[in-house]
Protein backbone atom coordinates (compact mmCIF):
# COMPACT_ATOMS: atom_id res chain seq x y z
CA UNK A 1 122.42 184.54 11.02
CA UNK A 2 122.52 181.47 13.21
CA UNK A 3 124.04 182.11 16.64
CA UNK A 4 126.74 179.72 17.87
CA UNK A 5 125.66 176.90 20.13
CA UNK A 6 126.09 177.92 23.76
CA UNK A 7 127.89 174.74 24.70
CA UNK A 8 130.23 175.11 21.71
CA UNK A 9 131.00 178.67 22.80
CA UNK A 10 131.70 177.49 26.34
CA UNK A 11 133.97 174.72 25.05
CA UNK A 12 135.85 177.19 22.84
CA UNK A 13 136.28 179.49 25.85
CA UNK A 14 137.80 176.68 27.93
CA UNK A 15 140.09 175.70 25.04
CA UNK A 16 141.45 179.25 24.86
CA UNK A 17 141.69 179.45 28.67
CA UNK A 18 143.58 176.14 28.80
CA UNK A 19 146.06 177.34 26.17
CA UNK A 20 146.64 180.58 28.07
CA UNK A 21 147.04 178.73 31.38
CA UNK A 22 149.48 176.23 29.84
CA UNK A 23 151.55 179.06 28.33
CA UNK A 24 151.58 180.83 31.70
CA UNK A 25 152.71 177.68 33.51
CA UNK A 26 155.50 177.15 30.97
CA UNK A 27 156.63 180.78 31.21
CA UNK A 28 156.72 180.72 35.01
CA UNK A 29 158.64 177.44 34.97
CA UNK A 30 161.38 179.24 33.03
CA UNK A 31 161.57 181.95 35.71
CA UNK A 32 163.96 180.91 38.52
CA UNK A 33 162.25 180.66 41.89
CA UNK A 34 165.62 181.00 43.64
CA UNK A 35 168.52 183.36 43.21
CA UNK A 36 172.01 183.48 44.64
CA UNK A 37 173.11 186.69 46.30
CA UNK A 38 176.55 187.50 47.67
CA UNK A 39 176.63 188.98 51.13
CA UNK A 40 179.60 190.69 52.75
CA UNK A 41 180.14 189.04 56.12
CA UNK A 42 183.49 190.64 56.99
CA UNK A 43 185.98 193.19 55.69
CA UNK A 44 189.69 193.38 56.28
CA UNK A 45 192.20 196.18 55.75
CA UNK A 46 195.96 196.48 55.49
CA UNK A 47 197.32 199.96 56.15
CA UNK A 48 200.83 201.34 55.69
CA UNK A 49 201.77 204.70 57.21
CA UNK A 50 205.21 206.04 56.43
CA UNK A 51 207.02 208.74 58.36
CA UNK A 52 210.38 210.33 57.62
CA UNK A 53 212.96 212.68 59.03
CA UNK A 54 215.30 214.47 56.62
CA UNK A 55 218.58 215.59 58.25
CA UNK A 56 219.98 218.82 56.84
CA UNK A 57 223.44 220.32 56.54
CA UNK A 58 223.75 223.98 57.53
CA UNK A 59 221.90 226.16 55.01
CA UNK A 60 220.29 229.56 54.56
CA UNK A 61 216.84 228.27 53.48
CA UNK A 62 216.19 226.74 56.89
CA UNK A 63 218.67 228.56 59.13
CA UNK A 64 217.09 227.38 62.36
CA UNK A 65 216.27 223.79 61.35
CA UNK A 66 218.40 220.70 61.18
CA UNK A 67 215.58 218.31 60.30
CA UNK A 68 212.43 218.29 58.20
CA UNK A 69 209.33 216.20 58.85
CA UNK A 70 206.42 215.67 56.41
CA UNK A 71 204.68 218.94 55.48
CA UNK A 72 207.41 221.06 57.10
CA UNK A 73 208.99 222.22 53.87
CA UNK A 74 210.70 221.29 50.62
CA UNK A 75 213.62 218.89 50.86
CA UNK A 76 216.50 220.33 48.80
CA UNK A 77 218.99 217.82 47.45
CA UNK A 78 222.20 219.82 47.94
CA UNK A 79 222.00 220.32 51.71
CA UNK A 80 220.20 217.09 52.63
CA UNK A 81 222.53 214.71 54.46
CA UNK A 82 220.31 211.65 55.02
CA UNK A 83 216.71 210.56 55.37
CA UNK A 84 215.45 208.17 58.04
CA UNK A 85 212.15 206.45 57.21
CA UNK A 86 209.86 204.42 59.46
CA UNK A 87 206.82 202.32 58.57
CA UNK A 88 203.83 201.41 60.68
CA UNK A 89 201.87 198.49 59.25
CA UNK A 90 198.44 197.45 60.61
CA UNK A 91 196.06 194.63 59.73
CA UNK A 92 192.46 194.93 60.86
CA UNK A 93 189.28 192.86 60.45
CA UNK A 94 185.67 193.60 61.31
CA UNK A 95 185.34 190.22 63.04
CA UNK A 96 187.65 188.42 65.45
CA UNK A 97 190.67 186.92 63.73
CA UNK A 98 194.11 185.44 64.33
CA UNK A 99 196.80 186.27 61.79
CA UNK A 100 200.25 185.20 60.67
CA UNK A 101 202.15 187.87 58.74
CA UNK A 102 205.32 187.40 56.71
CA UNK A 103 207.17 190.40 55.37
CA UNK A 104 210.41 191.57 53.83
CA UNK A 105 211.57 194.91 52.41
CA UNK A 106 213.50 195.71 49.24
CA UNK A 107 215.21 199.02 48.40
CA UNK A 108 215.82 199.70 44.71
CA UNK A 109 217.52 202.56 42.86
CA UNK A 110 216.15 203.27 39.37
CA UNK A 111 217.00 205.49 36.41
CA UNK A 112 215.81 205.34 32.83
CA UNK A 113 218.91 203.31 31.93
CA UNK A 114 219.25 200.77 34.77
CA UNK A 115 217.83 199.35 38.00
CA UNK A 116 219.82 198.32 41.06
CA UNK A 117 218.74 196.58 44.27
CA UNK A 118 220.35 198.34 47.18
CA UNK A 119 219.16 195.95 49.90
CA UNK A 120 216.68 193.22 50.76
CA UNK A 121 215.80 192.24 54.31
CA UNK A 122 215.26 188.60 55.36
CA UNK A 123 211.69 187.39 55.65
CA UNK A 124 210.20 187.99 59.10
CA UNK A 125 207.23 186.11 60.59
CA UNK A 126 204.99 187.58 63.26
CA UNK A 127 201.56 187.18 64.82
CA UNK A 128 201.34 190.86 65.64
CA UNK A 129 198.72 192.78 63.66
CA UNK A 130 200.53 196.09 64.16
CA UNK A 131 204.19 196.25 63.18
CA UNK A 132 206.66 199.10 63.65
CA UNK A 133 209.56 198.98 61.18
CA UNK A 134 212.59 201.28 60.93
CA UNK A 135 213.87 201.18 57.37
CA UNK A 136 217.56 201.45 56.44
CA UNK A 137 218.84 205.03 56.41
CA UNK A 138 219.08 206.71 53.01
CA UNK A 139 222.51 208.36 53.03
CA UNK A 140 222.68 211.00 50.31
CA UNK A 141 226.47 210.72 49.81
CA UNK A 142 226.31 206.92 49.58
CA UNK A 143 223.41 207.00 47.08
CA UNK A 144 225.23 209.48 44.86
CA UNK A 145 228.28 207.23 44.87
CA UNK A 146 226.21 204.19 43.87
CA UNK A 147 224.65 206.13 41.00
CA UNK A 148 228.01 207.48 39.81
CA UNK A 149 229.53 203.98 39.83
CA UNK A 150 226.61 202.47 37.87
CA UNK A 151 226.63 205.32 35.34
CA UNK A 152 230.34 204.74 34.85
CA UNK A 153 229.93 200.97 34.43
CA UNK A 154 227.05 201.28 31.99
CA UNK A 155 228.46 204.23 30.09
CA UNK A 156 225.46 206.39 30.94
CA UNK A 157 226.07 210.10 31.53
CA UNK A 158 223.21 212.02 33.07
CA UNK A 159 223.58 215.68 33.83
CA UNK A 160 221.75 216.61 36.98
CA UNK A 161 220.98 220.04 35.56
CA UNK A 162 219.86 218.94 32.10
CA UNK A 163 217.88 215.82 32.95
CA UNK A 164 214.17 216.29 32.18
CA UNK A 165 213.31 213.15 34.13
CA UNK A 166 214.09 212.39 37.80
CA UNK A 167 217.78 212.27 38.58
CA UNK A 168 217.07 208.90 40.20
CA UNK A 169 214.32 207.21 42.15
CA UNK A 170 214.56 205.13 45.31
CA UNK A 171 211.71 202.64 45.68
CA UNK A 172 211.08 201.04 49.06
CA UNK A 173 208.86 198.01 48.55
CA UNK A 174 207.66 196.02 51.57
CA UNK A 175 205.82 192.77 50.81
CA UNK A 176 203.32 191.64 53.44
CA UNK A 177 201.74 188.20 53.12
CA UNK A 178 198.81 187.86 55.49
CA UNK A 179 197.05 184.61 56.38
CA UNK A 180 194.27 185.01 58.92
CA UNK A 181 191.59 182.74 60.32
CA UNK A 182 188.09 183.95 61.21
CA UNK A 183 184.82 182.30 62.08
CA UNK A 184 183.59 183.33 58.61
CA UNK A 185 186.51 181.71 56.79
CA UNK A 186 190.20 182.15 55.98
CA UNK A 187 191.78 185.36 54.69
CA UNK A 188 194.78 185.56 52.37
CA UNK A 189 196.14 188.91 51.29
CA UNK A 190 199.33 190.23 49.69
CA UNK A 191 200.08 193.91 50.30
CA UNK A 192 202.97 195.85 48.69
CA UNK A 193 202.82 199.53 49.73
CA UNK A 194 205.68 200.95 47.64
CA UNK A 195 207.18 204.27 48.74
CA UNK A 196 208.88 206.35 46.02
CA UNK A 197 211.65 208.85 46.82
CA UNK A 198 212.58 210.94 43.78
CA UNK A 199 215.58 213.19 43.31
CA UNK A 200 214.55 215.78 40.72
CA UNK A 201 215.92 218.80 38.91
CA UNK A 202 213.02 221.30 38.71
CA UNK A 203 212.45 224.98 38.03
CA UNK A 204 212.46 225.49 41.79
CA UNK A 205 215.82 223.78 42.24
CA UNK A 206 217.10 220.30 42.99
CA UNK A 207 214.56 218.68 45.29
CA UNK A 208 213.66 215.34 46.84
CA UNK A 209 210.01 214.32 46.89
CA UNK A 210 208.55 211.44 48.89
CA UNK A 211 205.18 210.19 47.64
CA UNK A 212 202.45 207.84 48.92
CA UNK A 213 203.07 208.13 52.64
CA UNK A 214 199.66 206.58 53.43
CA UNK A 215 198.49 203.46 51.58
CA UNK A 216 195.58 201.12 52.17
CA UNK A 217 194.35 197.86 50.69
CA UNK A 218 190.93 196.42 51.54
CA UNK A 219 189.29 193.05 51.02
CA UNK A 220 186.01 191.32 51.78
CA UNK A 221 184.84 187.90 52.88
CA UNK A 222 181.74 187.04 50.87
CA UNK A 223 179.07 184.44 51.50
CA UNK A 224 176.61 183.18 48.88
CA UNK A 225 173.00 182.79 50.00
CA UNK A 226 170.07 181.16 48.23
CA UNK A 227 166.98 183.38 48.29
CA UNK A 228 163.53 182.00 47.41
CA UNK A 229 161.40 184.28 45.26
CA UNK A 230 157.99 183.97 46.93
CA UNK A 231 156.26 186.01 44.21
CA UNK A 232 157.31 183.53 41.53
CA UNK A 233 156.14 180.59 43.66
CA UNK A 234 152.75 182.22 44.32
CA UNK A 235 152.34 182.95 40.61
CA UNK A 236 153.18 179.32 39.81
CA UNK A 237 150.58 178.02 42.27
CA UNK A 238 147.98 180.38 40.78
CA UNK A 239 148.87 179.21 37.25
CA UNK A 240 148.53 175.56 38.34
CA UNK A 241 145.08 176.31 39.77
CA UNK A 242 144.06 178.14 36.59
CA UNK A 243 145.29 175.28 34.41
CA UNK A 244 143.49 172.67 36.53
CA UNK A 245 140.26 174.70 36.46
CA UNK A 246 140.43 175.21 32.70
CA UNK A 247 141.12 171.50 32.08
CA UNK A 248 138.18 170.48 34.28
CA UNK A 249 135.92 173.00 32.53
CA UNK A 250 137.09 171.85 29.11
CA UNK A 251 136.54 168.21 30.04
CA UNK A 252 133.03 168.84 31.37
CA UNK A 253 131.92 171.01 28.44
CA UNK A 254 133.49 168.62 25.94
CA UNK A 255 131.79 165.61 27.56
CA UNK A 256 128.44 167.40 27.59
CA UNK A 257 128.80 168.39 23.95
CA UNK A 258 129.79 164.84 23.02
CA UNK A 259 126.77 163.38 24.82
CA UNK A 260 124.38 165.89 23.24
CA UNK A 261 125.87 166.04 19.78
CA UNK A 262 123.26 165.65 17.00
CA UNK A 263 122.77 162.10 15.73
CA UNK A 264 123.32 161.28 12.07
CA UNK A 265 119.56 160.84 11.68
CA UNK A 266 118.82 164.25 13.18
CA UNK A 267 121.40 165.90 10.97
CA UNK A 268 119.89 164.21 7.89
CA UNK A 269 116.38 165.33 8.91
CA UNK A 270 117.54 168.91 9.43
CA UNK A 271 119.10 168.88 5.95
CA UNK A 272 115.81 167.53 4.53
CA UNK A 273 113.58 170.24 6.00
CA UNK A 274 116.03 173.12 5.72
CA UNK A 275 114.49 174.49 2.46
CA UNK A 276 111.06 174.60 4.15
CA UNK A 277 111.96 175.66 7.66
CA UNK A 278 109.88 178.85 7.37
CA UNK A 279 106.76 176.71 6.80
CA UNK A 280 107.34 173.93 9.31
CA UNK A 281 106.20 173.95 12.92
CA UNK A 282 107.38 171.25 15.31
CA UNK A 283 104.43 169.41 16.95
CA UNK A 284 104.10 166.87 19.76
CA UNK A 285 101.57 164.59 17.97
CA UNK A 286 99.94 164.19 14.59
CA UNK A 287 96.35 164.86 15.83
CA UNK A 288 93.84 162.22 14.60
CA UNK A 289 90.76 164.49 14.97
CA UNK A 290 90.26 164.77 11.18
CA UNK A 291 87.65 163.45 8.77
CA UNK A 292 89.98 162.65 5.90
CA UNK A 293 93.67 162.02 5.35
CA UNK A 294 95.37 162.77 2.07
CA UNK A 295 98.86 161.42 1.60
CA UNK A 296 101.18 163.70 -0.34
CA UNK A 297 103.94 162.22 -2.48
CA UNK A 298 106.82 164.31 -1.13
CA UNK A 299 107.67 167.24 1.06
CA UNK A 300 107.99 169.55 -1.89
CA UNK A 301 104.35 168.98 -2.90
CA UNK A 302 103.24 169.40 0.71
CA UNK A 303 105.10 172.71 0.83
CA UNK A 304 103.21 173.85 -2.28
CA UNK A 305 99.91 172.98 -0.61
CA UNK A 306 100.94 174.84 2.53
CA UNK A 307 101.63 177.97 0.55
CA UNK A 308 98.35 177.71 -1.38
CA UNK A 309 96.30 177.04 1.74
CA UNK A 310 98.31 179.49 3.83
CA UNK A 311 98.73 176.82 6.47
CA UNK A 312 101.82 175.78 8.43
CA UNK A 313 103.39 172.37 8.02
CA UNK A 314 103.46 170.48 11.29
CA UNK A 315 106.27 168.04 11.95
CA UNK A 316 106.41 165.11 14.32
CA UNK A 317 108.99 162.39 14.68
CA UNK A 318 108.12 159.04 16.20
CA UNK A 319 109.42 155.49 15.91
CA UNK A 320 112.07 156.52 13.40
CA UNK A 321 109.41 158.05 11.15
CA UNK A 322 108.96 161.72 10.31
CA UNK A 323 105.43 162.96 9.61
CA UNK A 324 104.80 166.32 7.91
CA UNK A 325 101.16 167.43 7.65
CA UNK A 326 98.70 170.29 7.07
CA UNK A 327 95.20 170.46 8.55
CA UNK A 328 92.55 172.32 6.55
CA UNK A 329 88.84 172.04 7.50
CA UNK A 330 89.27 168.61 9.18
CA UNK A 331 91.27 167.36 6.22
CA UNK A 332 94.81 166.25 6.88
CA UNK A 333 97.38 166.52 4.11
CA UNK A 334 100.41 164.50 5.12
CA UNK A 335 103.72 163.11 3.96
CA UNK A 336 105.48 160.39 5.90
CA UNK A 337 109.08 159.31 5.51
CA UNK A 338 111.48 157.12 7.40
CA UNK A 339 113.94 159.18 9.39
CA UNK A 340 116.86 159.41 6.96
CA UNK A 341 120.44 158.64 7.94
CA UNK A 342 121.98 160.67 5.17
CA UNK A 343 119.64 162.47 2.80
CA UNK A 344 120.20 165.45 0.59
CA UNK A 345 117.62 168.19 0.94
CA UNK A 346 115.06 168.26 -1.90
CA UNK A 347 115.27 171.32 -4.11
CA UNK A 348 112.89 174.06 -3.09
CA UNK A 349 110.08 174.96 -5.51
CA UNK A 350 108.58 177.72 -3.46
CA UNK A 351 107.10 180.45 -5.55
């Protein structure tokens, strides 16, 4: 089996290497060398802390108390006279800021059947980041009267003792609109920390519950940053170097192969002698030290003589002429032919 030409193998190697390098370059070009990341540069927080004082009528549950503060006991509806509520609002940032805060407060009474706005305060503007607010007093007698009037006007009858849902709810809804300036950028926030006061009929009696005394809302100032992926860049540079090396290698091996490719005449000669290659020996000259020269008609006849005489056929090529000959006892058997440009190999007649 004939082994592949070394230069052809080298050229094929550089072809494959060039294809791989080109595919690698293309793939890495599709991979972004930069990415955008979001970085938190500041945070800001609005906080609402409610406090209340429930004023009590004389009773046997709390014989020595006239008021209840948070976590001091259950507020029972029947002997509660009024509830005073205060709100402390605070705005805070992790970086220096100046702020303008607008706020107003709405009190609403709600049942399943209707909703009624008890009061709304005018909008107030301030540059203070901490605000103390005393909310309107919730008078139990006045609230019951409002509910009774609305039930009468709407035709709704709700038994305090049979109602599965809250008897009524009071919602206190402050709305804070904050606009602040910082070195990292402007801040805009809307904060509505709603406080719910529910009058309920429960298994433990008629009670008032006040939920969500502490409420917080947070925000962030973000900044987008472009990050260069050094690994991708280094891989790209390496792929460029590999592609350049493979192209240079392919060019050099291809040029060498083109310069040393067999001529048409050499190819034709190789086709001519192929059937007799086991008998033919390449020689540098035709050796004139013989006593007689016998010209043989064709290479096939010369091959027959070589087999009979058990002699090799020598081959020389000079001045566009191929000479095939056998030397036996100073006798030269030869066949000369012009170097062919395209000749079919003669059929072999070897025994």
